N, C-alpha and C. Protein backbone atom coordinates (compact mmCIF):
# COMPACT_ATOMS: atom_id res chain seq x y z
N MET A 1 -155.76 109.38 149.95
CA MET A 1 -155.50 110.50 149.32
C MET A 1 -155.02 111.78 150.49
N ASN A 2 -155.58 112.13 151.42
CA ASN A 2 -155.14 112.98 152.61
C ASN A 2 -153.57 112.34 152.76
N LEU A 3 -153.58 111.18 153.33
CA LEU A 3 -152.38 110.98 153.51
C LEU A 3 -151.32 111.18 152.76
N PHE A 4 -151.51 111.00 151.79
CA PHE A 4 -150.45 111.21 150.31
C PHE A 4 -150.10 112.55 150.58
N TRP A 5 -151.14 113.75 150.68
CA TRP A 5 -151.04 115.12 150.92
C TRP A 5 -150.20 115.53 151.71
N SER A 6 -150.36 115.02 153.40
CA SER A 6 -149.54 115.62 154.42
C SER A 6 -148.28 115.20 154.14
N THR A 7 -148.13 113.75 153.71
CA THR A 7 -146.47 113.18 153.49
C THR A 7 -145.68 113.85 152.52
N LYS A 8 -146.29 114.67 151.21
CA LYS A 8 -145.78 115.22 150.39
C LYS A 8 -145.54 116.80 150.82
N MET A 9 -146.65 117.01 151.12
CA MET A 9 -146.25 118.54 151.88
C MET A 9 -145.26 118.29 153.01
N GLY A 10 -145.08 117.61 153.81
CA GLY A 10 -143.97 117.50 154.66
C GLY A 10 -142.74 117.56 154.06
N GLN A 11 -142.69 116.85 152.99
CA GLN A 11 -141.32 116.50 152.29
C GLN A 11 -141.13 118.15 151.51
N ASN A 12 -142.15 118.53 151.09
CA ASN A 12 -141.74 120.20 150.66
C ASN A 12 -141.65 120.93 151.71
N ILE A 13 -142.00 121.20 152.60
CA ILE A 13 -141.52 122.18 153.53
C ILE A 13 -140.04 121.84 154.22
N ALA A 14 -139.59 120.50 154.35
CA ALA A 14 -138.35 120.41 154.46
C ALA A 14 -137.29 120.94 153.42
N SER A 15 -137.65 120.41 152.19
CA SER A 15 -136.89 121.08 151.40
C SER A 15 -136.89 122.09 151.18
N THR A 16 -137.93 122.91 151.38
CA THR A 16 -137.93 124.61 151.22
C THR A 16 -136.99 125.13 152.27
N ARG A 17 -137.37 125.07 153.43
CA ARG A 17 -136.48 124.90 154.59
C ARG A 17 -134.65 124.74 154.39
N HIS A 18 -134.45 123.58 153.95
CA HIS A 18 -133.03 123.42 153.55
C HIS A 18 -132.83 124.38 152.57
N TRP A 19 -133.42 124.75 151.40
CA TRP A 19 -133.02 125.67 150.46
C TRP A 19 -133.08 127.10 151.16
N ILE A 20 -133.87 127.71 151.83
CA ILE A 20 -133.57 128.77 152.60
C ILE A 20 -132.29 128.74 153.57
N LYS A 21 -131.92 127.87 154.13
CA LYS A 21 -131.15 127.96 155.28
C LYS A 21 -129.66 127.99 154.25
N GLN A 22 -129.72 127.43 152.80
CA GLN A 22 -128.57 127.39 152.18
C GLN A 22 -128.32 128.73 151.33
N ARG A 23 -129.54 129.05 151.31
CA ARG A 23 -129.35 130.36 150.91
C ARG A 23 -128.79 131.65 151.58
N VAL A 24 -129.26 131.56 153.08
CA VAL A 24 -129.10 132.56 153.85
C VAL A 24 -127.61 131.96 154.40
N SER A 25 -127.02 131.05 154.61
CA SER A 25 -125.38 130.87 154.67
C SER A 25 -124.78 131.10 153.57
N SER A 26 -125.16 131.37 152.51
CA SER A 26 -124.44 131.77 151.12
C SER A 26 -124.27 133.25 151.00
N ILE A 27 -125.51 134.29 151.86
CA ILE A 27 -125.49 135.27 151.80
C ILE A 27 -124.50 135.74 153.07
N LEU A 28 -124.57 135.15 153.66
CA LEU A 28 -123.72 135.88 154.99
C LEU A 28 -121.96 135.42 154.49
N LEU A 29 -121.95 134.36 153.98
CA LEU A 29 -120.61 134.34 153.35
C LEU A 29 -120.17 135.28 152.44
N ILE A 30 -120.76 136.29 151.91
CA ILE A 30 -120.56 137.04 151.02
C ILE A 30 -119.42 138.30 151.89
N PRO A 31 -120.29 139.11 152.75
CA PRO A 31 -119.41 139.98 153.23
C PRO A 31 -118.33 139.52 154.04
N LEU A 32 -118.54 137.93 154.72
CA LEU A 32 -117.48 137.33 155.33
C LEU A 32 -116.06 137.39 154.86
N THR A 33 -116.58 136.38 153.19
CA THR A 33 -115.30 136.35 152.85
C THR A 33 -114.66 137.34 152.20
N LEU A 34 -115.56 138.49 152.22
CA LEU A 34 -114.56 139.81 151.57
C LEU A 34 -113.71 140.36 152.82
N LEU A 35 -114.47 140.01 153.90
CA LEU A 35 -114.00 140.88 155.29
C LEU A 35 -112.36 139.63 155.39
N PHE A 36 -112.85 138.64 155.65
CA PHE A 36 -111.82 137.59 155.99
C PHE A 36 -110.61 137.68 154.89
N PHE A 37 -110.86 137.57 153.61
CA PHE A 37 -109.70 137.85 152.83
C PHE A 37 -108.88 138.97 152.85
N TYR A 38 -109.79 140.14 153.07
CA TYR A 38 -108.97 141.45 153.32
C TYR A 38 -107.99 141.54 154.17
N ASN A 39 -108.40 140.99 155.63
CA ASN A 39 -107.52 140.58 156.61
C ASN A 39 -106.47 139.67 156.26
N PHE A 40 -107.16 138.83 155.67
CA PHE A 40 -106.00 137.65 155.43
C PHE A 40 -104.71 138.25 154.53
N LEU A 41 -105.20 139.37 153.36
CA LEU A 41 -104.05 139.69 152.73
C LEU A 41 -103.07 140.71 153.47
N ASN A 42 -103.61 141.24 154.18
CA ASN A 42 -102.94 142.44 155.28
C ASN A 42 -101.87 142.15 156.16
N VAL A 43 -102.08 140.37 156.70
CA VAL A 43 -101.64 140.05 157.54
C VAL A 43 -100.37 139.21 156.67
N SER A 44 -100.55 138.96 155.81
CA SER A 44 -99.59 137.63 154.79
C SER A 44 -98.29 137.85 155.12
N THR A 45 -97.77 139.06 155.02
CA THR A 45 -96.42 139.48 154.97
C THR A 45 -96.04 139.95 156.49
N LEU A 46 -96.62 139.79 157.24
CA LEU A 46 -96.39 140.01 158.89
C LEU A 46 -95.78 138.92 159.46
N SER A 47 -95.02 138.90 160.44
CA SER A 47 -94.54 138.19 161.54
C SER A 47 -95.28 137.33 162.09
N TYR A 48 -94.93 136.04 162.45
CA TYR A 48 -95.91 135.45 163.24
C TYR A 48 -96.57 136.06 164.49
N ASP A 49 -95.93 136.83 165.09
CA ASP A 49 -96.11 137.36 166.52
C ASP A 49 -97.22 138.67 166.41
N ASP A 50 -96.90 139.22 164.78
CA ASP A 50 -98.13 140.42 164.77
C ASP A 50 -99.29 139.70 163.98
N VAL A 51 -99.42 138.51 163.24
CA VAL A 51 -100.26 138.07 163.11
C VAL A 51 -101.24 137.50 164.02
N ILE A 52 -100.71 136.88 165.10
CA ILE A 52 -101.44 136.86 166.36
C ILE A 52 -101.78 137.98 167.14
N SER A 53 -101.08 138.94 167.25
CA SER A 53 -101.37 140.03 167.60
C SER A 53 -102.88 140.79 167.10
N ASN A 54 -102.52 140.35 165.35
CA ASN A 54 -103.80 141.11 164.74
C ASN A 54 -105.25 140.47 165.23
N TYR A 55 -104.95 139.36 165.02
CA TYR A 55 -106.30 138.00 165.28
C TYR A 55 -106.60 138.27 167.16
N LYS A 56 -106.05 138.85 167.76
CA LYS A 56 -106.68 139.30 169.05
C LYS A 56 -107.44 139.96 169.17
N ASN A 57 -107.43 140.84 168.11
CA ASN A 57 -108.56 141.99 168.17
C ASN A 57 -109.90 141.35 168.10
N PRO A 58 -110.90 141.63 168.53
CA PRO A 58 -111.94 140.97 168.80
C PRO A 58 -112.76 140.71 167.19
N PHE A 59 -112.63 141.88 166.48
CA PHE A 59 -113.56 142.24 165.24
C PHE A 59 -112.76 141.10 164.09
N HIS A 60 -111.42 140.96 164.36
CA HIS A 60 -110.97 140.01 163.32
C HIS A 60 -111.25 138.66 163.75
N LEU A 61 -111.07 138.75 164.90
CA LEU A 61 -111.23 136.96 165.44
C LEU A 61 -112.79 136.62 165.17
N CYS A 62 -113.74 137.21 165.68
CA CYS A 62 -114.97 137.15 164.88
C CYS A 62 -115.15 137.31 163.71
N VAL A 63 -114.88 137.77 162.63
CA VAL A 63 -115.04 137.36 161.20
C VAL A 63 -114.35 136.29 160.66
N ALA A 64 -113.08 135.99 161.29
CA ALA A 64 -112.60 134.87 161.06
C ALA A 64 -113.21 133.68 161.43
N PHE A 65 -113.57 133.58 162.71
CA PHE A 65 -114.57 132.37 163.34
C PHE A 65 -115.58 132.30 162.46
N LEU A 66 -116.39 133.46 162.45
CA LEU A 66 -117.91 133.36 161.67
C LEU A 66 -117.52 132.70 160.08
N PHE A 67 -116.48 133.28 159.38
CA PHE A 67 -116.28 132.52 158.08
C PHE A 67 -116.09 131.59 157.99
N ILE A 68 -115.35 130.82 158.93
CA ILE A 68 -114.91 129.43 158.96
C ILE A 68 -115.91 128.37 159.37
N THR A 69 -116.45 129.04 160.35
CA THR A 69 -117.74 127.99 161.27
C THR A 69 -119.03 128.01 160.00
N ILE A 70 -119.19 129.29 159.52
CA ILE A 70 -120.42 129.30 158.62
C ILE A 70 -119.91 128.67 157.08
N SER A 71 -118.68 128.76 156.81
CA SER A 71 -118.32 127.85 155.76
C SER A 71 -118.08 126.42 155.99
N ILE A 72 -118.35 125.80 157.16
CA ILE A 72 -118.50 124.73 157.45
C ILE A 72 -119.96 123.99 157.06
N TRP A 73 -120.46 125.00 157.85
CA TRP A 73 -122.12 124.68 157.61
C TRP A 73 -122.44 124.74 156.33
N HIS A 74 -122.09 125.83 155.56
CA HIS A 74 -122.66 125.84 154.02
C HIS A 74 -121.91 124.30 153.32
N PHE A 75 -120.88 123.90 153.74
CA PHE A 75 -120.40 122.82 153.02
C PHE A 75 -121.18 121.49 153.43
N TYR A 76 -121.44 121.47 154.39
CA TYR A 76 -122.39 120.28 154.72
C TYR A 76 -123.68 120.18 154.46
N GLN A 77 -124.43 121.51 153.97
CA GLN A 77 -125.55 121.56 153.56
C GLN A 77 -125.21 121.30 151.79
N GLY A 78 -124.33 121.83 151.49
CA GLY A 78 -124.25 121.25 149.86
C GLY A 78 -123.96 119.82 149.60
N ILE A 79 -123.06 119.14 150.60
CA ILE A 79 -122.64 118.06 150.43
C ILE A 79 -123.73 117.10 150.76
N GLU A 80 -124.90 117.50 151.77
CA GLU A 80 -126.25 116.72 151.87
C GLU A 80 -127.08 116.69 150.60
N VAL A 81 -126.93 117.60 149.95
CA VAL A 81 -127.81 117.50 148.94
C VAL A 81 -127.29 116.82 147.86
N VAL A 82 -126.08 117.01 147.67
CA VAL A 82 -124.94 115.73 146.69
C VAL A 82 -125.30 114.52 146.75
N LEU A 83 -125.21 114.17 148.52
CA LEU A 83 -124.90 112.85 148.68
C LEU A 83 -126.72 111.98 148.54
N GLU A 84 -127.47 112.81 149.03
CA GLU A 84 -129.02 112.53 148.77
C GLU A 84 -129.65 112.27 147.47
N ASP A 85 -128.70 113.20 146.62
CA ASP A 85 -129.20 112.92 144.97
C ASP A 85 -128.84 111.97 143.92
N TYR A 86 -127.18 111.58 144.70
CA TYR A 86 -126.40 110.56 144.29
C TYR A 86 -126.42 109.26 144.69
N ILE A 87 -126.51 109.16 146.01
CA ILE A 87 -126.56 107.82 146.58
C ILE A 87 -127.62 107.14 146.65
N HIS A 88 -128.49 106.25 146.27
CA HIS A 88 -129.25 105.62 146.16
C HIS A 88 -129.57 104.45 147.08
N GLU A 89 -128.64 104.20 147.65
CA GLU A 89 -128.81 103.12 148.89
C GLU A 89 -128.91 103.47 149.97
N THR A 90 -130.03 103.82 151.01
CA THR A 90 -130.48 104.23 152.20
C THR A 90 -129.36 104.00 152.99
N ASN A 91 -128.92 103.12 153.47
CA ASN A 91 -128.10 102.84 154.76
C ASN A 91 -126.61 103.68 154.31
N LEU A 92 -126.31 103.26 153.14
CA LEU A 92 -124.95 104.02 153.08
C LEU A 92 -124.95 105.64 152.94
N ARG A 93 -126.13 106.21 151.94
CA ARG A 93 -126.42 107.31 152.33
C ARG A 93 -126.40 108.25 153.49
N ASN A 94 -127.55 107.45 154.73
CA ASN A 94 -127.39 107.55 155.93
C ASN A 94 -126.20 107.50 156.63
N SER A 95 -125.78 106.68 156.61
CA SER A 95 -123.98 106.38 157.62
C SER A 95 -123.15 107.40 157.32
N THR A 96 -123.46 107.99 155.73
CA THR A 96 -122.24 108.85 155.59
C THR A 96 -122.66 110.09 155.49
N LEU A 97 -123.99 110.41 155.79
CA LEU A 97 -124.59 111.69 156.32
C LEU A 97 -123.76 112.04 157.63
N LYS A 98 -124.30 110.91 158.29
CA LYS A 98 -124.34 110.99 159.68
C LYS A 98 -122.51 111.14 160.13
N THR A 99 -121.65 110.41 159.33
CA THR A 99 -120.44 110.62 159.65
C THR A 99 -120.08 111.78 159.15
N LEU A 100 -120.65 112.46 158.02
CA LEU A 100 -120.14 113.93 158.22
C LEU A 100 -120.35 114.91 158.62
N LYS A 101 -121.54 114.73 159.60
CA LYS A 101 -122.20 115.53 160.09
C LYS A 101 -121.36 115.49 161.45
N ILE A 102 -120.92 114.76 162.03
CA ILE A 102 -120.28 114.01 163.23
C ILE A 102 -118.88 114.57 163.06
N LEU A 103 -118.35 114.65 161.54
CA LEU A 103 -116.63 115.49 161.19
C LEU A 103 -117.07 116.77 161.47
N CYS A 104 -118.08 117.02 161.01
CA CYS A 104 -118.34 118.43 161.05
C CYS A 104 -118.49 119.31 162.12
N TRP A 105 -119.47 118.82 163.03
CA TRP A 105 -119.15 119.22 164.32
C TRP A 105 -118.31 119.12 164.79
N PHE A 106 -117.41 118.31 165.12
CA PHE A 106 -115.95 117.87 165.55
C PHE A 106 -114.96 119.23 164.91
N LEU A 107 -115.18 119.31 163.74
CA LEU A 107 -113.93 120.51 163.18
C LEU A 107 -114.66 121.38 163.88
N THR A 108 -115.91 122.03 163.99
CA THR A 108 -116.42 122.81 164.09
C THR A 108 -115.84 123.04 165.70
N LEU A 109 -116.20 121.95 166.91
CA LEU A 109 -115.58 122.49 167.98
C LEU A 109 -114.14 122.37 168.37
N ILE A 110 -113.07 121.78 167.37
CA ILE A 110 -111.62 122.04 167.85
C ILE A 110 -111.23 123.84 167.18
N ILE A 111 -112.17 124.10 166.17
CA ILE A 111 -111.83 125.47 166.25
C ILE A 111 -112.47 126.42 166.88
N THR A 112 -113.49 126.23 167.45
CA THR A 112 -114.06 126.78 168.43
C THR A 112 -112.88 126.91 169.65
N LEU A 113 -112.34 126.05 169.99
CA LEU A 113 -111.63 125.73 171.04
C LEU A 113 -109.93 126.43 170.74
N ALA A 114 -109.94 126.15 169.06
CA ALA A 114 -108.43 127.10 169.00
C ALA A 114 -109.07 128.63 168.89
N PHE A 115 -109.85 128.87 168.70
CA PHE A 115 -109.96 130.92 168.86
C PHE A 115 -110.20 130.80 170.14
N ILE A 116 -110.67 130.24 171.24
CA ILE A 116 -110.75 130.50 172.94
C ILE A 116 -109.72 130.63 172.93
N PHE A 117 -108.80 129.84 172.45
CA PHE A 117 -107.48 129.54 173.17
C PHE A 117 -106.66 131.05 172.40
N LEU A 118 -106.70 131.38 171.40
CA LEU A 118 -106.23 132.31 170.54
C LEU A 118 -106.62 133.52 171.29
N TYR A 119 -107.67 133.96 171.59
CA TYR A 119 -108.01 134.93 172.24
C TYR A 119 -107.61 135.37 173.44
N ARG A 120 -107.98 133.80 174.74
CA ARG A 120 -107.39 134.29 175.86
C ARG A 120 -105.69 134.30 176.27
N PHE A 121 -105.06 133.62 174.84
CA PHE A 121 -103.61 133.80 175.77
C PHE A 121 -102.90 134.50 174.54
């Protein structure tokens, strides 16, 4: 009985942490989305050089970077729940989750390098 409770409680704690992390990323995305799209709409009519100079502003660059990276994190959290709920074969689910995690990290790395390159040059 004690082993059952400790296993069940461990799953509940992990689920609660996941739920909290997903809510935190959602709350963070609210102001970032507004700021990102406000800036995006402002630069939509500018020339390429003006857009690049706009994003060399550290504030605009940080907002865009945080919006994109937190969106990727939020996407992964959501798709993880969907895959855990609807893929019942353990090996397929685990390999799909690992592949998606690798792709999300790779995409985050590429975006980070792109933003570093944009800010430095």
